[in-house]
Amino acid sequence: MPVAEVDVGVDLVRALVDAQFPALASLPLELAANGWDNVLFRLGADLAVRLPRREMAAELVEHEQRWLPELAPRLPLPIPAPVHCGRPALGYPWRWSVVPWFAGDNAEHAPDVDFAAAAVAISGFLDALHQTAPAEAPTNPYRGGPLRGRDRPTTERIAQLHDVIDGDAALAVWTELRDVPGWDERRTWIHGDLHPANIVVSDGKVSAVIDFGDAAGGDPATDLLVAWTWFPTATRQRFLARYDGATQARGRGWAIEWSLACLANSADNELIATIARRTLTAALED
């Protein structure tokens, strides 16, 4: 994972919360996850504190604070719309959020997942999300644009990983998919990073979608990534059948792009590396 630019420890977070939100000062605080862009602390039973660990992610937190409260009411699954928005202080340089804590497991580790029901739930979620984004919605330079725009880093990663993946197959499939037509460039809202570590499952059912740092206006096919990152083959085929062929192909292209980016940068994150290896295998075999 990228190196943290700020040391975000429990003592700092405790001080930030207590100073800015005194009503939360009595709630216990513990580290929950140290992610690619953010550090997450559980605060009491029902809240979490989410803080950027590098400057690049700070703007993404501001996007979440601006847009998730507007998106949340129209979506059929809970999302982490901020409950409180924290300010830079005590040497910590960026804005941060207090968000809901969603009970359950990330979908990668959840037992007894009902994949048929999960596909229905995710389909409904994407239908509600993939509405036209306003002109002022953020643009993500890494997700949601034409696949051709990701050609250089993707081919470089294929070369970098050639000895640990089937590089020839990856290059052949990527070359086929990068110029697939079909997107009319009408920007819809996208999640931008829809994989099982960002999906919460409770009692076998999808109960929340989290981590909207990559959310932006873009090609909705980007979010079909979930079909290759999580769903078994039969579920994936049923899930994708509701989309036209070009949209499916662009989604498959995004699955290859995402998996290669993760494999090139996740030597210290076995969860993401495992998902990425499975995703690449599925996308190349389809």
Protein backbone atom coordinates (compact mmCIF):
# COMPACT_ATOMS: atom_id res chain seq x y z
CA MET A 1 0.00 0.00 0.00
CA PRO A 2 1.11 3.60 -0.35
CA VAL A 3 3.17 4.85 2.58
CA ALA A 4 1.26 6.89 5.16
CA GLU A 5 2.24 10.56 5.15
CA VAL A 6 0.87 11.21 8.65
CA ASP A 7 1.00 8.94 11.69
CA VAL A 8 -2.64 8.56 12.72
CA GLY A 9 -2.74 6.90 16.12
CA VAL A 10 -5.43 6.36 18.70
CA ASP A 11 -4.14 9.14 20.98
CA LEU A 12 -4.37 11.74 18.21
CA VAL A 13 -7.83 10.60 17.15
CA ARG A 14 -9.05 10.59 20.76
CA ALA A 15 -7.84 14.17 21.16
CA LEU A 16 -9.44 15.30 17.89
CA VAL A 17 -12.80 13.75 18.73
CA ASP A 18 -12.84 15.02 22.30
CA ALA A 19 -11.92 18.57 21.29
CA GLN A 20 -14.32 18.93 18.37
CA PHE A 21 -17.22 16.69 19.41
CA PRO A 22 -17.34 16.66 23.23
CA ALA A 23 -20.59 14.70 23.26
CA LEU A 24 -18.63 11.72 21.89
CA ALA A 25 -15.78 11.97 24.40
CA SER A 26 -17.05 9.13 26.58
CA LEU A 27 -17.22 6.59 23.75
CA PRO A 28 -14.46 3.95 23.56
CA LEU A 29 -12.12 4.21 20.57
CA GLU A 30 -10.10 1.48 18.87
CA LEU A 31 -8.30 0.95 15.57
CA ALA A 32 -10.50 -0.96 13.11
CA ALA A 33 -8.63 -0.84 9.79
CA ASN A 34 -5.60 0.74 8.16
CA GLY A 35 -6.48 1.09 4.49
CA TRP A 36 -5.00 2.28 1.22
CA ASP A 37 -6.06 5.89 1.73
CA ASN A 38 -7.65 6.14 5.19
CA VAL A 39 -7.41 4.89 8.74
CA LEU A 40 -10.63 3.77 10.40
CA PHE A 41 -11.30 3.74 14.14
CA ARG A 42 -14.42 2.33 15.75
CA LEU A 43 -16.05 4.84 18.10
CA GLY A 44 -18.49 3.28 20.52
CA ALA A 45 -21.00 0.78 19.18
CA ASP A 46 -22.48 2.73 16.29
CA LEU A 47 -19.87 5.16 14.93
CA ALA A 48 -16.47 5.19 13.25
CA VAL A 49 -13.84 7.86 12.66
CA ARG A 50 -12.32 7.96 9.17
CA LEU A 51 -9.15 9.97 8.60
CA PRO A 52 -6.94 10.31 5.50
CA ARG A 53 -3.44 8.92 5.89
CA ARG A 54 -2.03 10.74 2.85
CA GLU A 55 -2.66 14.06 1.15
CA MET A 56 -4.06 12.54 -2.03
CA ALA A 57 -6.95 11.07 -0.04
CA ALA A 58 -7.80 14.30 1.78
CA GLU A 59 -9.70 15.71 -1.18
CA LEU A 60 -11.64 12.47 -1.49
CA VAL A 61 -12.87 12.79 2.10
CA GLU A 62 -14.09 16.29 1.27
CA HIS A 63 -15.96 14.85 -1.72
CA GLU A 64 -17.63 12.32 0.57
CA GLN A 65 -18.61 15.04 3.02
CA ARG A 66 -20.08 17.12 0.21
CA TRP A 67 -21.95 14.46 -1.75
CA LEU A 68 -22.82 11.41 0.37
CA PRO A 69 -25.54 13.21 2.35
CA GLU A 70 -27.25 13.94 -0.98
CA LEU A 71 -26.82 10.42 -2.36
CA ALA A 72 -27.79 8.48 0.75
CA PRO A 73 -31.57 9.12 0.74
CA ARG A 74 -32.04 7.77 -2.76
CA LEU A 75 -30.00 4.57 -2.36
CA PRO A 76 -31.56 1.28 -1.23
CA LEU A 77 -28.54 0.26 0.88
CA PRO A 78 -26.95 2.23 3.73
CA ILE A 79 -23.80 4.20 2.92
CA PRO A 80 -21.40 6.03 5.28
CA ALA A 81 -22.74 9.58 4.94
CA PRO A 82 -20.84 11.62 7.55
CA VAL A 83 -22.53 12.27 10.88
CA HIS A 84 -19.92 14.88 11.83
CA CYS A 85 -17.22 16.59 9.76
CA GLY A 86 -13.94 17.16 11.59
CA ARG A 87 -11.45 19.97 10.96
CA PRO A 88 -7.64 20.00 10.80
CA ALA A 89 -6.20 20.48 14.29
CA LEU A 90 -3.53 19.33 16.75
CA GLY A 91 -1.01 18.91 13.95
CA TYR A 92 -3.33 16.76 11.85
CA PRO A 93 -3.58 18.59 8.49
CA TRP A 94 -6.82 17.43 6.83
CA ARG A 95 -10.55 17.18 7.22
CA TRP A 96 -11.91 13.93 8.63
CA SER A 97 -15.28 12.35 9.29
CA VAL A 98 -17.35 10.61 11.93
CA VAL A 99 -19.50 8.10 10.05
CA PRO A 100 -21.93 5.29 10.90
CA TRP A 101 -20.44 1.94 11.87
CA PHE A 102 -22.12 -0.87 9.93
CA ALA A 103 -22.22 -4.18 11.78
CA GLY A 104 -21.28 -7.25 9.77
CA ASP A 105 -18.33 -8.61 7.81
CA ASN A 106 -16.67 -7.37 4.68
CA ALA A 107 -18.02 -9.49 1.87
CA GLU A 108 -14.70 -11.22 1.26
CA HIS A 109 -14.77 -12.76 4.73
CA ALA A 110 -18.52 -13.11 5.26
CA PRO A 111 -19.76 -16.68 5.79
CA ASP A 112 -22.72 -18.22 3.98
CA VAL A 113 -23.28 -15.43 1.46
CA ASP A 114 -26.50 -15.71 -0.53
CA PHE A 115 -24.99 -14.71 -3.86
CA ALA A 116 -28.28 -14.72 -5.75
CA ALA A 117 -29.72 -12.23 -3.27
CA ALA A 118 -26.46 -10.27 -3.26
CA ALA A 119 -26.60 -9.83 -7.03
CA VAL A 120 -30.18 -8.54 -6.77
CA ALA A 121 -29.21 -6.14 -3.99
CA ILE A 122 -26.18 -4.79 -5.85
CA SER A 123 -28.18 -4.46 -9.07
CA GLY A 124 -30.78 -2.36 -7.29
CA PHE A 125 -28.09 -0.28 -5.64
CA LEU A 126 -26.38 0.44 -8.96
CA ASP A 127 -29.66 1.26 -10.69
CA ALA A 128 -30.32 3.89 -8.04
CA LEU A 129 -26.75 5.21 -8.04
CA HIS A 130 -26.22 5.36 -11.80
CA GLN A 131 -28.22 8.52 -12.37
CA THR A 132 -26.89 11.56 -14.20
CA ALA A 133 -24.27 13.33 -12.10
CA PRO A 134 -24.41 17.13 -11.83
CA ALA A 135 -21.83 19.19 -13.66
CA GLU A 136 -20.06 20.00 -10.40
CA ALA A 137 -19.67 16.34 -9.40
CA PRO A 138 -16.02 15.33 -9.02
CA THR A 139 -14.04 13.71 -11.82
CA ASN A 140 -11.79 10.81 -10.89
CA PRO A 141 -8.64 10.70 -13.06
CA TYR A 142 -8.20 7.00 -12.31
CA ARG A 143 -11.75 5.63 -12.55
CA GLY A 144 -14.75 6.19 -14.76
CA GLY A 145 -13.22 7.66 -17.90
CA PRO A 146 -12.49 5.96 -21.23
CA LEU A 147 -10.46 2.78 -20.80
CA ARG A 148 -8.00 4.04 -23.40
CA GLY A 149 -6.94 6.65 -20.86
CA ARG A 150 -5.64 3.86 -18.61
CA ASP A 151 -3.65 2.12 -21.35
CA ARG A 152 -0.16 3.27 -20.43
CA PRO A 153 -0.22 2.37 -16.71
CA THR A 154 -2.04 -0.88 -17.45
CA THR A 155 0.43 -2.09 -20.07
CA GLU A 156 3.30 -1.05 -17.80
CA ARG A 157 1.85 -3.13 -14.98
CA ILE A 158 1.41 -6.12 -17.27
CA ALA A 159 5.12 -5.89 -18.06
CA GLN A 160 5.99 -5.41 -14.38
CA LEU A 161 3.94 -8.44 -13.33
CA HIS A 162 4.69 -10.60 -16.36
CA ASP A 163 6.46 -13.29 -14.36
CA VAL A 164 3.65 -13.69 -11.80
CA ILE A 165 0.62 -13.49 -14.10
CA ASP A 166 -0.16 -14.71 -17.60
CA GLY A 167 1.19 -11.52 -19.12
CA ASP A 168 0.57 -12.50 -22.73
CA ALA A 169 -3.09 -13.29 -22.06
CA ALA A 170 -3.55 -10.13 -20.00
CA LEU A 171 -2.07 -7.96 -22.74
CA ALA A 172 -4.16 -9.63 -25.45
CA VAL A 173 -7.44 -9.21 -23.55
CA TRP A 174 -6.63 -5.67 -22.45
CA THR A 175 -5.74 -4.67 -26.02
CA GLU A 176 -9.09 -6.04 -27.17
CA LEU A 177 -11.10 -4.24 -24.49
CA ARG A 178 -9.44 -0.85 -24.18
CA ASP A 179 -11.15 0.55 -27.27
CA VAL A 180 -14.59 -1.01 -26.83
CA PRO A 181 -17.17 1.57 -27.95
CA GLY A 182 -20.52 2.19 -26.42
CA TRP A 183 -20.22 4.77 -23.66
CA ASP A 184 -21.99 7.97 -24.70
CA GLU A 185 -19.90 9.87 -22.09
CA ARG A 186 -23.01 10.88 -20.15
CA ARG A 187 -21.58 11.04 -16.67
CA THR A 188 -23.52 9.11 -14.07
CA TRP A 189 -22.61 8.77 -10.43
CA ILE A 190 -20.27 5.81 -9.87
CA HIS A 191 -18.91 4.24 -6.70
CA GLY A 192 -15.57 3.68 -8.43
CA ASP A 193 -14.16 0.94 -6.18
CA LEU A 194 -16.87 -1.69 -5.85
CA HIS A 195 -15.20 -4.85 -4.58
CA PRO A 196 -16.00 -7.16 -1.65
CA ALA A 197 -13.83 -5.32 0.88
CA ASN A 198 -16.15 -2.34 0.36
CA ILE A 199 -19.38 -4.31 0.77
CA VAL A 200 -20.75 -5.23 4.20
CA VAL A 201 -22.65 -8.49 4.66
CA SER A 202 -24.79 -9.46 7.65
CA ASP A 203 -26.52 -12.84 7.99
CA GLY A 204 -25.56 -13.70 4.42
CA LYS A 205 -27.18 -10.59 2.90
CA VAL A 206 -25.68 -7.32 1.66
CA SER A 207 -26.30 -4.73 4.38
CA ALA A 208 -24.20 -1.69 3.35
CA VAL A 209 -21.77 -0.31 0.78
CA ILE A 210 -18.79 1.66 2.09
CA ASP A 211 -15.72 3.66 1.01
CA PHE A 212 -16.91 6.22 -1.51
CA GLY A 213 -13.54 7.93 -1.83
CA ASP A 214 -13.43 7.17 -5.56
CA ALA A 215 -17.04 8.23 -6.20
CA ALA A 216 -17.36 10.56 -9.16
CA GLY A 217 -19.22 11.18 -12.35
CA GLY A 218 -18.20 8.70 -15.04
CA ASP A 219 -18.91 5.55 -17.03
CA PRO A 220 -21.31 3.30 -15.08
CA ALA A 221 -19.53 0.24 -16.50
CA THR A 222 -16.76 0.98 -14.00
CA ASP A 223 -18.94 -0.40 -11.20
CA LEU A 224 -19.48 -3.71 -12.99
CA LEU A 225 -16.07 -4.44 -11.50
CA VAL A 226 -18.01 -6.12 -8.70
CA ALA A 227 -19.06 -8.93 -11.04
CA TRP A 228 -15.46 -10.14 -11.33
CA THR A 229 -14.17 -9.16 -7.90
CA TRP A 230 -16.86 -10.99 -5.95
CA PHE A 231 -19.49 -13.03 -7.77
CA PRO A 232 -19.04 -16.71 -8.69
CA THR A 233 -19.28 -17.46 -12.41
CA ALA A 234 -22.98 -18.33 -12.57
CA THR A 235 -23.97 -15.33 -10.46
CA ARG A 236 -21.74 -13.07 -12.52
CA GLN A 237 -23.36 -14.21 -15.75
CA ARG A 238 -26.86 -13.55 -14.42
CA PHE A 239 -25.84 -10.18 -13.00
CA LEU A 240 -24.24 -9.04 -16.28
CA ALA A 241 -27.09 -10.26 -18.51
CA ARG A 242 -29.08 -7.09 -17.84
CA TYR A 243 -26.34 -4.96 -19.47
CA ASP A 244 -25.56 -4.66 -23.17
CA GLY A 245 -22.46 -6.29 -24.59
CA ALA A 246 -20.38 -3.13 -24.83
CA THR A 247 -21.09 -2.21 -21.21
CA GLN A 248 -20.16 -5.72 -20.09
CA ALA A 249 -16.92 -5.50 -22.08
CA ARG A 250 -15.97 -2.16 -20.56
CA GLY A 251 -16.73 -3.55 -17.11
CA ARG A 252 -14.42 -6.47 -17.83
CA GLY A 253 -11.77 -4.01 -18.95
CA TRP A 254 -12.10 -2.15 -15.66
CA ALA A 255 -11.78 -5.45 -13.79
CA ILE A 256 -8.46 -6.09 -15.53
CA GLU A 257 -7.24 -2.53 -14.95
CA TRP A 258 -8.21 -2.61 -11.27
CA SER A 259 -6.73 -6.02 -10.58
CA LEU A 260 -3.39 -5.11 -12.14
CA ALA A 261 -3.20 -1.83 -10.23
CA CYS A 262 -3.84 -3.68 -6.99
CA LEU A 263 -1.41 -6.51 -7.70
CA ALA A 264 1.32 -3.98 -8.44
CA ASN A 265 0.77 -2.13 -5.16
CA SER A 266 -0.59 -4.59 -2.58
CA ALA A 267 2.34 -6.75 -1.53
CA ASP A 268 1.60 -5.71 2.06
CA ASN A 269 -2.19 -6.08 1.84
CA GLU A 270 -3.08 -9.74 1.43
CA LEU A 271 -6.84 -9.05 1.45
CA ILE A 272 -6.68 -6.82 -1.62
CA ALA A 273 -4.04 -8.97 -3.29
CA THR A 274 -6.24 -12.05 -2.91
CA ILE A 275 -9.25 -10.27 -4.40
CA ALA A 276 -7.11 -8.90 -7.23
CA ARG A 277 -5.70 -12.31 -8.18
CA ARG A 278 -9.18 -13.83 -8.30
CA THR A 279 -10.49 -10.87 -10.30
CA LEU A 280 -7.78 -11.09 -12.93
CA THR A 281 -8.27 -14.84 -13.33
CA ALA A 282 -12.02 -14.45 -13.76
CA ALA A 283 -11.71 -11.54 -16.20
CA LEU A 284 -9.19 -13.37 -18.37
CA GLU A 285 -11.24 -16.57 -18.43
CA ASP A 286 -14.57 -14.95 -19.40
